N, C-alpha and C. Protein backbone atom coordinates (compact mmCIF):
# COMPACT_ATOMS: atom_id res chain seq x y z
N MET A 1 -16.50 4.67 12.77
CA MET A 1 -15.73 3.79 12.08
C MET A 1 -14.37 5.12 12.31
N ALA A 2 -13.36 4.53 12.65
CA ALA A 2 -11.93 5.29 12.97
C ALA A 2 -11.96 5.87 11.60
N GLU A 3 -11.22 6.86 11.53
CA GLU A 3 -10.20 7.58 10.39
C GLU A 3 -9.42 6.47 9.98
N PRO A 4 -9.20 5.72 8.84
CA PRO A 4 -8.07 5.35 8.47
C PRO A 4 -6.71 6.30 8.88
N GLU A 5 -5.32 5.47 9.26
CA GLU A 5 -4.27 5.91 9.11
C GLU A 5 -3.14 6.35 8.25
N PHE A 6 -3.93 5.46 6.92
CA PHE A 6 -2.91 5.71 5.77
C PHE A 6 -3.99 5.23 4.42
N THR A 7 -4.14 6.23 3.67
CA THR A 7 -4.60 5.87 2.41
C THR A 7 -4.30 6.78 1.12
N ALA A 8 -3.93 5.47 0.12
CA ALA A 8 -3.37 6.04 -1.20
C ALA A 8 -4.56 5.39 -2.40
N THR A 9 -4.71 6.38 -3.43
CA THR A 9 -5.68 5.77 -4.35
C THR A 9 -4.50 6.15 -5.49
N GLY A 10 -5.41 5.48 -6.90
CA GLY A 10 -4.50 5.55 -7.56
C GLY A 10 -3.46 4.81 -8.10
N VAL A 11 -3.26 3.72 -7.27
CA VAL A 11 -2.54 2.59 -7.12
C VAL A 11 -2.23 1.48 -7.64
N ARG A 12 -1.37 1.20 -8.66
CA ARG A 12 -1.28 0.38 -9.37
C ARG A 12 -0.91 -1.01 -8.40
N ILE A 13 -1.83 -1.80 -8.16
CA ILE A 13 -1.38 -3.25 -7.37
C ILE A 13 -1.74 -4.66 -8.80
N GLY A 14 -0.46 -5.50 -8.30
CA GLY A 14 0.29 -6.00 -9.26
C GLY A 14 0.24 -7.90 -8.11
N ARG A 15 0.68 -8.78 -9.02
CA ARG A 15 0.82 -10.12 -8.23
C ARG A 15 1.99 -10.97 -9.00
N GLY A 16 3.02 -10.89 -8.68
CA GLY A 16 3.41 -11.75 -10.09
C GLY A 16 3.72 -10.38 -11.66
N LEU A 17 3.57 -11.05 -12.64
CA LEU A 17 3.56 -10.27 -13.69
C LEU A 17 1.92 -9.86 -14.14
N ARG A 18 1.16 -10.10 -13.53
CA ARG A 18 -0.06 -9.37 -13.45
C ARG A 18 -0.73 -8.35 -12.61
N SER A 19 -1.34 -7.43 -13.53
CA SER A 19 -1.58 -6.14 -12.61
C SER A 19 -3.30 -7.03 -12.12
N LEU A 20 -3.37 -6.76 -11.35
CA LEU A 20 -4.83 -6.70 -10.39
C LEU A 20 -5.81 -5.47 -11.10
N THR A 21 -5.35 -4.09 -10.62
CA THR A 21 -5.98 -3.29 -10.77
C THR A 21 -5.00 -2.09 -11.15
N ARG A 22 -5.55 -0.83 -12.03
CA ARG A 22 -4.21 0.35 -12.31
C ARG A 22 -4.84 1.47 -11.26
N ALA A 23 -5.92 1.40 -10.60
CA ALA A 23 -6.35 2.88 -10.08
C ALA A 23 -7.03 2.19 -8.83
N GLY A 24 -5.88 1.63 -7.93
CA GLY A 24 -6.72 0.76 -6.73
C GLY A 24 -6.54 1.44 -6.09
N GLN A 25 -6.94 0.93 -4.58
CA GLN A 25 -6.87 1.68 -3.56
C GLN A 25 -6.16 0.80 -2.41
N VAL A 26 -4.47 1.37 -1.16
CA VAL A 26 -4.39 0.50 -0.18
C VAL A 26 -5.08 1.74 1.16
N ARG A 27 -5.27 0.96 1.87
CA ARG A 27 -5.82 1.86 3.38
C ARG A 27 -5.36 0.61 4.53
N ILE A 28 -4.82 1.23 5.60
CA ILE A 28 -4.36 0.72 6.58
C ILE A 28 -5.63 1.42 7.38
N SER A 29 -6.53 0.82 8.15
CA SER A 29 -7.41 1.38 9.29
C SER A 29 -7.55 0.01 10.36
N GLY A 30 -7.76 0.97 11.43
CA GLY A 30 -8.29 -0.76 12.69
C GLY A 30 -7.10 -1.82 12.73
N GLY A 31 -6.15 -1.34 12.48
CA GLY A 31 -4.48 -2.51 12.63
C GLY A 31 -4.91 -3.06 11.08
N ARG A 32 -5.85 -3.12 10.16
CA ARG A 32 -5.50 -3.80 9.00
C ARG A 32 -5.10 -3.33 7.92
N LEU A 33 -4.43 -3.81 6.77
CA LEU A 33 -3.97 -3.42 5.53
C LEU A 33 -5.23 -3.96 4.68
N GLU A 34 -5.61 -3.22 3.57
CA GLU A 34 -6.51 -3.87 2.67
C GLU A 34 -5.89 -3.24 1.64
N LEU A 35 -6.23 -3.80 0.15
CA LEU A 35 -5.77 -3.53 -0.76
C LEU A 35 -7.14 -4.11 -1.20
N LEU A 36 -7.51 -2.86 -1.93
CA LEU A 36 -8.84 -2.60 -2.76
C LEU A 36 -9.07 -2.43 -4.42
N THR A 37 -9.57 -2.86 -5.07
CA THR A 37 -9.90 -2.19 -6.27
C THR A 37 -10.48 -1.10 -6.99
N SER A 38 -10.03 -1.03 -8.28
CA SER A 38 -11.11 1.03 -8.05
C SER A 38 -12.35 0.68 -8.20
N TYR A 39 -12.69 0.16 -7.83
CA TYR A 39 -14.49 -0.25 -7.30
C TYR A 39 -14.73 -0.52 -5.93
N GLY A 40 -13.64 -0.62 -5.41
CA GLY A 40 -14.24 -0.65 -4.04
C GLY A 40 -13.86 -2.37 -3.39
N SER A 41 -13.62 -3.39 -4.20
CA SER A 41 -13.75 -4.99 -3.75
C SER A 41 -12.42 -5.31 -3.45
N GLU A 42 -12.48 -6.14 -2.47
CA GLU A 42 -11.02 -6.61 -1.69
C GLU A 42 -10.73 -7.39 -2.32
N ILE A 43 -9.28 -7.10 -2.51
CA ILE A 43 -8.45 -7.67 -3.75
C ILE A 43 -7.63 -8.73 -2.18
N ASP A 44 -7.53 -7.86 -1.12
CA ASP A 44 -6.80 -8.67 -0.47
C ASP A 44 -6.39 -7.84 1.05
N SER A 45 -6.84 -8.56 2.47
CA SER A 45 -6.60 -7.98 3.70
C SER A 45 -5.95 -8.73 4.66
N ALA A 46 -5.05 -8.06 5.59
CA ALA A 46 -4.75 -8.96 6.62
C ALA A 46 -4.20 -7.92 7.98
N PRO A 47 -3.67 -8.60 9.09
CA PRO A 47 -4.06 -7.74 10.25
C PRO A 47 -1.72 -6.88 10.55
N VAL A 48 -2.13 -5.89 10.51
CA VAL A 48 -0.73 -5.15 9.81
C VAL A 48 0.51 -5.81 10.27
N GLN A 49 0.51 -6.36 11.50
CA GLN A 49 0.89 -7.10 12.41
C GLN A 49 1.98 -8.37 11.76
N ALA A 50 0.54 -8.68 10.62
CA ALA A 50 1.52 -10.14 9.59
C ALA A 50 1.66 -9.87 7.82
N VAL A 51 2.12 -8.62 7.98
CA VAL A 51 2.27 -7.55 6.84
C VAL A 51 3.87 -8.05 6.93
N ARG A 52 4.64 -7.73 5.46
CA ARG A 52 5.73 -7.56 5.58
C ARG A 52 5.77 -6.29 4.64
N ALA A 53 6.93 -5.38 4.36
CA ALA A 53 6.50 -4.19 3.46
C ALA A 53 7.49 -4.00 2.86
N SER A 54 8.39 -3.63 2.10
CA SER A 54 9.55 -3.12 1.90
C SER A 54 9.78 -2.71 0.26
N ARG A 55 10.73 -2.17 -0.22
CA ARG A 55 11.07 -1.52 -0.84
C ARG A 55 12.32 -2.11 -2.11
N PRO A 56 11.79 -2.49 -3.38
CA PRO A 56 12.58 -3.92 -4.01
C PRO A 56 13.75 -2.69 -4.56
N TRP A 57 14.91 -3.23 -4.87
CA TRP A 57 16.02 -2.49 -4.93
C TRP A 57 16.22 -1.91 -6.05
N CYS A 58 14.99 -1.95 -7.44
CA CYS A 58 15.34 -1.96 -8.48
C CYS A 58 14.78 -0.27 -8.74
N ALA A 59 13.67 -0.12 -7.30
CA ALA A 59 12.36 1.02 -7.91
C ALA A 59 12.18 1.43 -7.27
N SER A 60 12.33 3.79 -7.33
CA SER A 60 11.81 3.72 -5.77
C SER A 60 10.81 3.97 -5.54
N ALA A 61 9.82 4.10 -7.19
CA ALA A 61 8.54 4.47 -6.67
C ALA A 61 7.59 3.48 -6.90
N ARG A 62 8.07 2.10 -5.88
CA ARG A 62 7.10 0.70 -5.74
C ARG A 62 7.59 0.22 -4.54
N ALA A 63 6.66 -0.41 -3.89
CA ALA A 63 6.73 -0.83 -2.67
C ALA A 63 6.02 -2.73 -2.67
N LEU A 64 7.03 -3.60 -2.16
CA LEU A 64 6.47 -4.93 -1.87
C LEU A 64 5.42 -5.14 -0.58
N ALA A 65 4.58 -5.67 -0.88
CA ALA A 65 3.72 -6.26 0.59
C ALA A 65 3.41 -7.57 0.59
N ASP A 66 3.54 -8.23 1.15
CA ASP A 66 3.70 -9.73 1.80
C ASP A 66 2.51 -9.80 3.02
N LEU A 67 1.19 -10.51 2.69
CA LEU A 67 0.56 -10.94 3.08
C LEU A 67 -0.51 -11.89 2.67
N ASN A 68 -0.42 -12.66 3.72
CA ASN A 68 -1.56 -13.92 3.47
C ASN A 68 -0.83 -14.81 2.53
N GLY A 69 0.65 -14.74 2.52
CA GLY A 69 1.23 -15.97 1.66
C GLY A 69 1.52 -15.58 0.00
N HIS A 70 1.10 -14.11 0.10
CA HIS A 70 0.96 -13.59 -1.38
C HIS A 70 1.93 -12.45 -1.16
N ARG A 71 2.74 -11.80 -2.31
CA ARG A 71 3.58 -10.92 -2.68
C ARG A 71 2.83 -9.69 -3.83
N TYR A 72 2.55 -8.69 -2.88
CA TYR A 72 1.89 -7.37 -3.96
C TYR A 72 2.86 -6.58 -4.32
N LEU A 73 2.95 -6.07 -5.57
CA LEU A 73 4.16 -5.17 -5.89
C LEU A 73 2.61 -3.73 -6.37
N LEU A 74 3.35 -2.92 -5.66
CA LEU A 74 2.14 -1.65 -5.49
C LEU A 74 3.11 -0.45 -6.21
N THR A 75 2.88 0.39 -7.02
CA THR A 75 3.43 1.39 -7.78
C THR A 75 3.01 2.46 -7.55
N LEU A 76 3.24 3.11 -6.46
CA LEU A 76 2.88 4.89 -5.76
C LEU A 76 3.66 5.51 -6.39
N ARG A 77 4.59 6.06 -5.62
CA ARG A 77 5.53 7.41 -6.42
C ARG A 77 6.49 7.70 -5.99
N ALA A 78 7.62 7.89 -6.23
CA ALA A 78 9.15 8.35 -5.62
C ALA A 78 8.86 9.04 -5.28
N HIS A 79 8.14 10.11 -4.81
CA HIS A 79 8.23 11.46 -3.92
C HIS A 79 6.27 11.61 -3.53
N ASP A 80 6.05 12.45 -2.25
CA ASP A 80 5.20 12.64 -2.11
C ASP A 80 4.02 14.10 -3.06
N PRO A 81 3.39 13.67 -3.82
CA PRO A 81 3.00 14.58 -4.68
C PRO A 81 2.31 16.09 -4.04
N ALA A 82 2.91 17.09 -4.84
CA ALA A 82 2.61 18.38 -4.78
C ALA A 82 1.51 18.86 -3.69
N PRO A 83 1.07 19.74 -2.70
CA PRO A 83 -0.26 19.96 -2.20
C PRO A 83 -1.33 20.35 -3.01
N GLY A 84 -2.02 19.46 -2.72
CA GLY A 84 -3.70 19.90 -4.05
C GLY A 84 -3.12 19.06 -5.45
N GLU A 85 -1.90 18.29 -5.39
CA GLU A 85 -1.84 17.84 -6.39
C GLU A 85 -2.10 15.79 -6.33
N PRO A 86 -2.97 15.43 -7.36
CA PRO A 86 -3.73 14.62 -7.30
C PRO A 86 -2.83 13.44 -7.42
N GLY A 87 -3.38 11.99 -6.97
CA GLY A 87 -1.82 11.33 -7.37
C GLY A 87 -2.12 10.34 -5.87
N PRO A 88 -1.26 8.72 -5.91
CA PRO A 88 -0.40 8.10 -4.95
C PRO A 88 0.30 8.69 -3.84
N PRO A 89 0.75 8.82 -2.52
CA PRO A 89 1.52 9.01 -2.08
C PRO A 89 2.86 8.44 -2.27
N ALA A 90 4.23 8.80 -1.49
CA ALA A 90 5.61 8.28 -2.10
C ALA A 90 5.40 6.74 -1.74
N ALA A 91 6.01 5.81 -1.86
CA ALA A 91 6.14 4.36 -1.75
C ALA A 91 6.76 4.37 -0.33
N GLY A 92 7.75 5.38 0.49
CA GLY A 92 8.52 5.18 1.56
C GLY A 92 7.30 5.90 2.76
N ARG A 93 6.39 6.51 2.39
CA ARG A 93 5.58 6.47 3.28
C ARG A 93 4.51 5.70 4.08
N PHE A 94 4.46 4.94 2.70
CA PHE A 94 3.50 3.31 2.99
C PHE A 94 4.41 2.57 3.56
N ILE A 95 4.87 2.45 3.62
CA ILE A 95 6.21 1.36 4.23
C ILE A 95 6.49 1.51 5.77
N GLU A 96 6.45 2.78 5.78
CA GLU A 96 6.36 3.86 6.94
C GLU A 96 5.55 3.66 7.56
N ALA A 97 4.35 3.39 7.05
CA ALA A 97 2.67 3.40 7.93
C ALA A 97 2.85 2.05 8.40
N VAL A 98 3.17 1.35 7.13
CA VAL A 98 3.07 -0.08 7.80
C VAL A 98 3.69 -0.60 9.11
N ARG A 99 4.77 -0.11 9.10
CA ARG A 99 5.64 -0.12 10.17
C ARG A 99 5.16 0.34 11.81
N ARG A 100 5.06 1.17 11.08
CA ARG A 100 4.48 2.20 12.84
C ARG A 100 3.13 1.75 12.98
N ALA A 101 1.64 0.84 12.54
CA ALA A 101 0.93 0.98 12.62
C ALA A 101 1.11 -0.65 13.39
N ALA A 102 2.33 -1.40 12.80
CA ALA A 102 2.12 -3.11 13.43
C ALA A 102 3.32 -2.67 14.35
N GLY A 103 3.62 -1.20 15.26
CA GLY A 103 4.32 -1.18 16.19
C GLY A 103 5.76 -1.43 15.95
N ARG A 104 6.20 -1.32 14.55
CA ARG A 104 7.94 -2.02 14.93
C ARG A 104 8.99 -0.77 14.50
N GLY A 105 8.07 0.77 14.71
CA GLY A 105 8.74 1.60 14.66
C GLY A 105 8.80 2.58 13.53
N GLY A 106 9.29 3.47 13.24
CA GLY A 106 9.76 3.86 11.41
C GLY A 106 10.79 4.39 11.17
């Protein structure tokens, strides 16, 4: 199996006002974006070309991901963690990884 192009753990994943997981995982691998629960169960996945990633205007530590007709709110971080510090990477890095994997530039 190929090395994932992007992985973030400890991500809060929600849809609307509902929290789906508080410590989920976001992974881009093999041209697909996967949203996983803290137990590794798939919440949703789609080819990166069909995913729209953006940042809400009011929160720098969050990203929006539209896939399969659903909008997910991903709570990452405003800035990348320090080397050796646990935690998810910055929301901007996620958005950049989706665009790069889909071939839309960064």
